[in-house]
Amino acid sequence: MNTTSTPRFAARLNAFKIGAADYWPGKNKITTADLLTRAATAGLTAADLNYPDHFVDDDPTQLLRVMDDGGMVLNGMAMRYYTDPGYKLGAFTHPEAAVRRAAIDETKRGLDVLAGMGGRLMTLWMGQDGFDYSFQMDYARAWGDTIDAMIEVCDHNPDIDIALEYKPNEPRAFALMPDAATTLLALNEIGRSNTGVTLDFAHVLYADEMPAFAAALVSRHSRILGVHLNDGYGKWDNGLMVGAVHPVQTVELLVELERAGYDGTLYFDTFPDHSGLDPVAEARANIEVVQKLRLTASRLVADANLQAAIARQDAPTAMRLVQAAVLA
C-alpha cells in the first residue's frame, strides 16, 4: 500500500439505511441504488455489494451506472448465505448434500454476476459454517466438504480472486475458520492461486490476534486481498470507528500493509446502526482519521531509528518514537 497516495475507500452499504424516513421522506422501499447514492455523499470512492441481497430490486447495469454517477467503482462482492434461513446449519458444511450444492451454485451465480460487472474480488465470510455444541458436527467431514466446495468455487472462474474472511464466531458459537492460522491451513489445502484473505481489524482482535502480525503471516503464506478497517474492544465484533480504541495497532497494521505492498481498497466495516449515528458523518470521520494515520505510517516505515529499535526488540524506544508520531 502506497501511503503517500489516496486509496479507494468503501463502507458497509447497509449502514446508509439509518434515518431512511428522514433522508427519503415518503419512500416506501430503499433500494441498493439509493444506498449507493447516499454513500457517495460521504466521500466514498468504491463499493462492495452483497450477493444476492443487493440485487433483489436492482440490476447490475443500473448499479454500475449509479456508482459511476457518484464517482465510485466496484471493489467486489461478498456472498451472504446467513440471511437465508435454509443455511442455519451451514452452507458449505450443511449436513445435507443438496443444501451444500445449493450454496455452491449460489456462489457460482454470484461470481457470474461479479464477472459481468467487471469485478475481480469475491469475499467469503462463512459465518454460518460452524457448530454450537460438542458432538454436533463431524469435524473432519465438515472440513473436507468446505475445502471441496471452495476448490469448486475457485475453479469456476480462475480470473476472480476468492478472499476468505475469518471470524472466531457469530452467528455460530464456533466458526470452522476462526483465525489466521486455520484460514491459511485451508488455503494451503485448497491450493489455488486465485485465493487469499480479507483481514477485518475487529475480527482479528476478536480472535485474540495482533493485526500487524496476522497481516505478516498472510502476506508470507498467501495474499492480502481485502482490508476491513474498524475497531472494537476484542470481546465481540463491535464495528466501531477506525482508531477509536486501538490507534497504535491500526498504525502498525498500516505499516505492515505498506511493507506487504497492499494497494487495494480500504473498507470501513463499521456499525453506526448500533447507536443510530449519522452514517455519512461516520464514514467521513473514518476517511479523515485513516488519511492521518496513513501519513503517520508512511513516516514510521522510513524511520531508521524505529527499525533499529524493532531489530533490538527495544520496546521503550519504539513506543516513544511511535507515540511521538501518533500524538503529534
Protein backbone atom coordinates (compact mmCIF):
# COMPACT_ATOMS: atom_id res chain seq x y z
CA MET A 1 0.00 0.00 0.00
CA ASN A 2 1.41 3.36 -1.03
CA THR A 3 0.70 5.54 1.99
CA THR A 4 1.52 8.71 0.05
CA SER A 5 -1.34 8.22 -2.44
CA THR A 6 -5.09 8.28 -1.84
CA PRO A 7 -6.58 4.79 -1.66
CA ARG A 8 -10.08 3.80 -2.63
CA PHE A 9 -12.50 3.91 0.31
CA ALA A 10 -15.63 1.78 0.66
CA ALA A 11 -18.02 1.16 3.52
CA ARG A 12 -20.77 -1.18 4.61
CA LEU A 13 -23.68 -0.09 2.42
CA ASN A 14 -26.47 -1.27 4.73
CA ALA A 15 -25.38 1.33 7.29
CA PHE A 16 -26.75 4.00 4.97
CA LYS A 17 -30.29 2.85 5.73
CA ILE A 18 -30.05 4.69 9.06
CA GLY A 19 -32.55 7.53 9.24
CA ALA A 20 -34.19 6.42 5.99
CA ALA A 21 -37.54 8.03 6.86
CA ASP A 22 -35.89 11.43 7.25
CA TYR A 23 -33.45 11.10 4.36
CA TRP A 24 -36.01 9.70 1.90
CA PRO A 25 -39.35 11.05 3.21
CA GLY A 26 -42.29 9.17 1.81
CA LYS A 27 -40.18 6.49 0.14
CA ASN A 28 -41.54 3.03 0.94
CA LYS A 29 -38.65 0.91 -0.33
CA ILE A 30 -34.96 1.77 -0.07
CA THR A 31 -33.00 0.16 -2.90
CA THR A 32 -29.31 -0.60 -3.30
CA ALA A 33 -29.12 2.26 -5.79
CA ASP A 34 -30.41 4.59 -3.08
CA LEU A 35 -27.78 3.37 -0.64
CA LEU A 36 -25.00 3.84 -3.18
CA THR A 37 -26.17 7.37 -3.96
CA ARG A 38 -26.17 8.31 -0.29
CA ALA A 39 -22.80 6.61 0.33
CA ALA A 40 -21.21 8.69 -2.41
CA THR A 41 -22.05 11.87 -0.46
CA ALA A 42 -19.69 10.67 2.29
CA GLY A 43 -16.66 10.77 0.01
CA LEU A 44 -16.52 7.03 -0.58
CA THR A 45 -14.96 6.09 -3.91
CA ALA A 46 -15.61 2.34 -4.07
CA ALA A 47 -18.39 -0.07 -3.19
CA ASP A 48 -18.77 -3.70 -2.17
CA LEU A 49 -22.08 -5.35 -2.96
CA ASN A 50 -23.64 -8.29 -1.13
CA TYR A 51 -24.94 -11.17 -3.20
CA PRO A 52 -27.77 -11.90 -3.55
CA ASP A 53 -29.17 -9.30 -1.12
CA HIS A 54 -28.19 -6.15 -3.01
CA PHE A 55 -29.57 -7.41 -6.31
CA VAL A 56 -33.17 -8.06 -5.24
CA ASP A 57 -34.52 -4.76 -6.56
CA ASP A 58 -31.61 -3.56 -8.70
CA ASP A 59 -29.94 -5.00 -11.77
CA PRO A 60 -26.14 -4.95 -12.26
CA THR A 61 -26.18 -2.48 -15.14
CA GLN A 62 -28.20 0.01 -13.12
CA LEU A 63 -25.89 -0.32 -10.11
CA LEU A 64 -22.80 0.28 -12.23
CA ARG A 65 -24.44 3.41 -13.64
CA VAL A 66 -25.26 4.71 -10.16
CA MET A 67 -21.72 4.07 -8.97
CA ASP A 68 -20.26 5.84 -11.97
CA ASP A 69 -22.56 8.82 -11.43
CA GLY A 70 -21.39 9.03 -7.82
CA GLY A 71 -17.68 8.76 -8.61
CA MET A 72 -17.46 5.24 -7.25
CA VAL A 73 -16.05 2.00 -8.66
CA LEU A 74 -16.96 -1.59 -7.88
CA ASN A 75 -14.43 -3.05 -5.45
CA GLY A 76 -16.01 -6.51 -5.30
CA MET A 77 -18.80 -8.57 -3.89
CA ALA A 78 -19.43 -10.62 -0.76
CA MET A 79 -21.62 -13.69 -0.50
CA ARG A 80 -24.36 -13.54 2.13
CA TYR A 81 -25.60 -17.02 2.99
CA TYR A 82 -26.56 -16.26 6.60
CA THR A 83 -29.57 -14.18 5.55
CA ASP A 84 -31.17 -17.37 4.15
CA PRO A 85 -32.75 -19.45 6.97
CA GLY A 86 -32.05 -22.57 4.91
CA TYR A 87 -28.36 -22.19 5.76
CA LYS A 88 -28.76 -22.02 9.54
CA LEU A 89 -26.88 -25.32 9.90
CA GLY A 90 -24.27 -24.22 7.43
CA ALA A 91 -23.72 -23.52 3.75
CA PHE A 92 -20.64 -25.49 2.72
CA THR A 93 -20.84 -27.53 5.97
CA HIS A 94 -24.56 -28.31 5.95
CA PRO A 95 -25.27 -31.98 6.75
CA GLU A 96 -27.46 -32.30 3.64
CA ALA A 97 -25.66 -32.57 0.30
CA ALA A 98 -28.49 -30.79 -1.51
CA VAL A 99 -28.10 -27.70 0.67
CA ARG A 100 -24.33 -27.70 0.18
CA ARG A 101 -24.90 -27.93 -3.56
CA ALA A 102 -27.34 -25.01 -3.41
CA ALA A 103 -24.74 -22.88 -1.60
CA ILE A 104 -22.05 -23.72 -4.15
CA ASP A 105 -24.37 -22.96 -7.06
CA GLU A 106 -25.47 -19.70 -5.42
CA THR A 107 -21.82 -18.72 -5.11
CA LYS A 108 -21.19 -19.51 -8.77
CA ARG A 109 -24.12 -17.31 -9.76
CA GLY A 110 -22.61 -14.54 -7.67
CA LEU A 111 -19.28 -14.99 -9.44
CA ASP A 112 -21.00 -14.77 -12.81
CA VAL A 113 -22.73 -11.52 -11.83
CA LEU A 114 -19.45 -10.15 -10.49
CA ALA A 115 -17.61 -11.03 -13.70
CA GLY A 116 -20.36 -9.44 -15.76
CA MET A 117 -19.89 -6.21 -13.81
CA GLY A 118 -16.15 -6.25 -14.40
CA GLY A 119 -15.27 -7.11 -10.79
CA ARG A 120 -12.48 -9.42 -9.71
CA LEU A 121 -12.87 -9.94 -5.94
CA MET A 122 -15.37 -12.17 -4.15
CA THR A 123 -15.24 -12.30 -0.35
CA LEU A 124 -16.49 -15.34 1.54
CA TRP A 125 -17.34 -14.93 5.21
CA MET A 126 -18.62 -18.34 6.26
CA GLY A 127 -20.26 -17.20 9.49
CA GLN A 128 -22.92 -19.89 9.40
CA ASP A 129 -20.35 -22.67 8.84
CA GLY A 130 -19.55 -23.79 12.35
CA PHE A 131 -21.06 -25.50 15.36
CA ASP A 132 -22.65 -24.73 18.72
CA TYR A 133 -22.38 -27.98 20.70
CA SER A 134 -19.99 -30.82 21.33
CA PHE A 135 -20.95 -33.87 19.27
CA GLN A 136 -22.94 -31.67 16.87
CA MET A 137 -20.52 -31.76 13.92
CA ASP A 138 -18.38 -34.34 12.17
CA TYR A 139 -15.36 -32.03 12.08
CA ALA A 140 -13.34 -33.98 9.52
CA ARG A 141 -16.28 -34.24 7.12
CA ALA A 142 -17.24 -30.58 7.52
CA TRP A 143 -13.67 -29.51 6.88
CA GLY A 144 -13.40 -31.74 3.84
CA ASP A 145 -16.75 -30.56 2.47
CA THR A 146 -15.64 -26.95 2.86
CA ILE A 147 -12.32 -27.49 1.10
CA ASP A 148 -14.04 -29.35 -1.75
CA ALA A 149 -16.66 -26.60 -2.10
CA MET A 150 -14.08 -23.84 -2.15
CA ILE A 151 -11.99 -25.65 -4.75
CA GLU A 152 -15.06 -25.87 -6.98
CA VAL A 153 -15.82 -22.19 -6.39
CA CYS A 154 -12.24 -21.13 -7.16
CA ASP A 155 -12.16 -23.21 -10.33
CA HIS A 156 -15.46 -21.76 -11.60
CA ASN A 157 -13.66 -18.59 -12.72
CA PRO A 158 -9.90 -18.51 -12.08
CA ASP A 159 -9.80 -14.84 -13.12
CA ILE A 160 -11.73 -13.87 -9.97
CA ASP A 161 -9.93 -13.75 -6.62
CA ILE A 162 -11.63 -15.54 -3.72
CA ALA A 163 -10.90 -13.94 -0.34
CA LEU A 164 -11.68 -15.76 2.91
CA GLU A 165 -12.69 -13.50 5.79
CA TYR A 166 -12.27 -15.22 9.12
CA LYS A 167 -14.03 -14.56 12.41
CA PRO A 168 -13.97 -16.61 15.65
CA ASN A 169 -17.74 -16.98 16.00
CA GLU A 170 -21.14 -15.34 15.48
CA PRO A 171 -23.66 -16.40 14.45
CA ARG A 172 -22.35 -19.89 15.33
CA ALA A 173 -20.64 -20.41 18.70
CA PHE A 174 -17.52 -21.72 16.92
CA ALA A 175 -16.57 -20.92 13.33
CA LEU A 176 -14.85 -23.51 11.20
CA MET A 177 -12.26 -20.90 10.19
CA PRO A 178 -11.81 -18.72 13.27
CA ASP A 179 -8.31 -17.28 12.87
CA ALA A 180 -5.43 -16.54 10.53
CA ALA A 181 -3.60 -19.85 11.01
CA THR A 182 -6.65 -22.04 10.37
CA THR A 183 -7.59 -19.96 7.33
CA LEU A 184 -4.06 -20.25 5.92
CA LEU A 185 -4.18 -24.00 6.53
CA ALA A 186 -7.39 -24.15 4.48
CA LEU A 187 -5.90 -22.08 1.67
CA ASN A 188 -2.91 -24.39 1.57
CA GLU A 189 -5.24 -27.36 1.10
CA ILE A 190 -7.32 -25.53 -1.50
CA GLY A 191 -4.14 -24.94 -3.44
CA ARG A 192 -5.45 -22.39 -5.90
CA SER A 193 -3.61 -19.24 -6.99
CA ASN A 194 -6.78 -17.10 -7.05
CA THR A 195 -7.20 -17.20 -3.28
CA GLY A 196 -6.26 -15.04 -0.33
CA VAL A 197 -7.51 -13.44 2.87
CA THR A 198 -9.61 -10.45 3.83
CA LEU A 199 -8.42 -9.09 7.16
CA ASP A 200 -11.10 -7.48 9.32
CA PHE A 201 -9.48 -5.47 12.13
CA ALA A 202 -12.23 -6.16 14.70
CA HIS A 203 -12.35 -9.87 13.76
CA VAL A 204 -8.60 -10.12 14.26
CA LEU A 205 -8.88 -8.51 17.70
CA TYR A 206 -11.79 -10.82 18.47
CA ALA A 207 -9.55 -13.78 17.55
CA ASP A 208 -7.01 -12.54 20.14
CA GLU A 209 -4.51 -11.75 17.40
CA MET A 210 -2.29 -8.74 16.71
CA PRO A 211 -3.46 -7.22 13.40
CA ALA A 212 0.01 -6.50 12.02
CA PHE A 213 1.21 -10.00 12.91
CA ALA A 214 -1.81 -11.53 11.18
CA ALA A 215 -1.06 -9.41 8.10
CA ALA A 216 2.57 -10.54 8.12
CA LEU A 217 1.54 -14.20 8.28
CA VAL A 218 -0.99 -13.81 5.49
CA SER A 219 1.42 -11.98 3.20
CA ARG A 220 4.08 -14.65 3.87
CA HIS A 221 1.85 -17.65 3.14
CA SER A 222 -0.88 -16.22 0.90
CA ARG A 223 -2.13 -12.80 -0.24
CA ILE A 224 -3.96 -9.97 1.49
CA LEU A 225 -6.88 -9.40 -0.87
CA GLY A 226 -9.03 -7.16 1.31
CA VAL A 227 -8.75 -4.98 4.41
CA HIS A 228 -11.72 -4.08 6.61
CA LEU A 229 -10.90 -1.24 8.97
CA ASN A 230 -12.91 -0.65 12.15
CA ASP A 231 -12.23 -1.03 15.87
CA GLY A 232 -13.54 -2.71 19.00
CA TYR A 233 -12.76 -3.98 22.46
CA GLY A 234 -11.91 -7.52 21.41
CA LYS A 235 -14.95 -9.05 23.13
CA TRP A 236 -17.09 -9.21 20.00
CA ASP A 237 -17.47 -7.56 16.61
CA ASN A 238 -18.10 -4.00 17.82
CA GLY A 239 -17.58 -2.32 14.43
CA LEU A 240 -16.52 0.99 15.98
CA MET A 241 -14.95 3.85 14.05
CA VAL A 242 -11.34 3.42 12.96
CA GLY A 243 -8.77 4.20 15.65
CA ALA A 244 -11.39 4.69 18.36
CA VAL A 245 -9.78 2.12 20.67
CA HIS A 246 -6.56 0.84 19.05
CA PRO A 247 -4.90 3.70 17.13
CA VAL A 248 -1.36 2.35 17.64
CA GLN A 249 -2.31 -1.12 16.45
CA THR A 250 -4.08 0.45 13.47
CA VAL A 251 -0.93 2.36 12.52
CA GLU A 252 1.14 -0.80 12.90
CA LEU A 253 -1.25 -2.62 10.54
CA LEU A 254 -0.94 0.21 8.00
CA VAL A 255 2.85 -0.04 8.26
CA GLU A 256 2.66 -3.81 7.65
CA LEU A 257 0.34 -3.29 4.69
CA GLU A 258 2.88 -0.87 3.23
CA ARG A 259 5.60 -3.49 3.60
CA ALA A 260 3.36 -6.12 2.02
CA GLY A 261 2.62 -3.86 -0.95
CA TYR A 262 -1.14 -3.86 -0.41
CA ASP A 263 -2.76 -1.33 -2.73
CA GLY A 264 -6.39 -2.42 -2.56
CA THR A 265 -9.50 -0.72 -1.24
CA LEU A 266 -9.84 0.15 2.45
CA TYR A 267 -13.33 -0.89 3.51
CA PHE A 268 -14.98 0.50 6.64
CA ASP A 269 -16.87 -2.42 8.16
CA THR A 270 -18.41 -0.35 10.92
CA PHE A 271 -21.79 -0.31 12.60
CA PRO A 272 -23.16 3.19 13.13
CA ASP A 273 -26.55 1.40 13.27
CA HIS A 274 -25.87 0.23 16.84
CA SER A 275 -26.27 3.73 18.26
CA GLY A 276 -28.03 5.48 15.39
CA LEU A 277 -25.08 7.59 14.24
CA ASP A 278 -25.29 9.58 11.05
CA PRO A 279 -23.69 7.13 8.59
CA VAL A 280 -22.39 9.87 6.31
CA ALA A 281 -20.70 11.71 9.17
CA GLU A 282 -19.33 8.42 10.48
CA ALA A 283 -17.86 7.47 7.10
CA ARG A 284 -16.31 10.92 6.71
CA ALA A 285 -14.74 10.61 10.16
CA ASN A 286 -13.28 7.24 9.17
CA ILE A 287 -11.80 8.64 5.97
CA GLU A 288 -10.29 11.59 7.81
CA VAL A 289 -8.64 9.53 10.54
CA VAL A 290 -7.32 6.91 8.12
CA GLN A 291 -5.73 9.59 5.97
CA LYS A 292 -3.97 10.95 9.05
CA LEU A 293 -2.90 7.52 10.28
CA ARG A 294 -1.60 6.61 6.83
CA LEU A 295 0.64 9.69 6.85
CA THR A 296 1.91 8.62 10.25
CA ALA A 297 2.52 5.11 8.94
CA SER A 298 4.46 6.47 5.96
CA ARG A 299 6.81 8.32 8.30
CA LEU A 300 7.29 5.26 10.51
CA VAL A 301 8.03 2.95 7.57
CA ALA A 302 11.00 5.16 6.70
CA ASP A 303 12.14 5.75 10.30
CA ALA A 304 15.57 4.13 10.61
CA ASN A 305 15.62 4.66 14.38
CA LEU A 306 12.34 2.78 14.75
CA GLN A 307 13.57 -0.09 12.59
CA ALA A 308 16.73 -0.30 14.68
CA ALA A 309 14.69 -0.36 17.88
CA ILE A 310 12.47 -3.11 16.49
CA ALA A 311 15.53 -5.11 15.47
CA ARG A 312 16.72 -4.96 19.11
CA GLN A 313 13.16 -5.57 20.41
CA ASP A 314 13.67 -2.32 22.31
CA ALA A 315 10.06 -1.62 23.24
CA PRO A 316 10.62 1.61 25.25
CA THR A 317 12.43 3.31 22.37
CA ALA A 318 9.95 2.02 19.81
CA MET A 319 6.99 3.23 21.89
CA ARG A 320 8.49 6.69 22.33
CA LEU A 321 9.01 7.03 18.59
CA VAL A 322 5.57 5.66 17.69
CA GLN A 323 3.71 7.67 20.31
CA ALA A 324 5.51 10.83 19.25
CA ALA A 325 4.35 10.20 15.68
CA VAL A 326 0.80 9.23 16.57
CA LEU A 327 0.27 12.03 19.10
CA ALA A 328 1.98 14.74 17.04
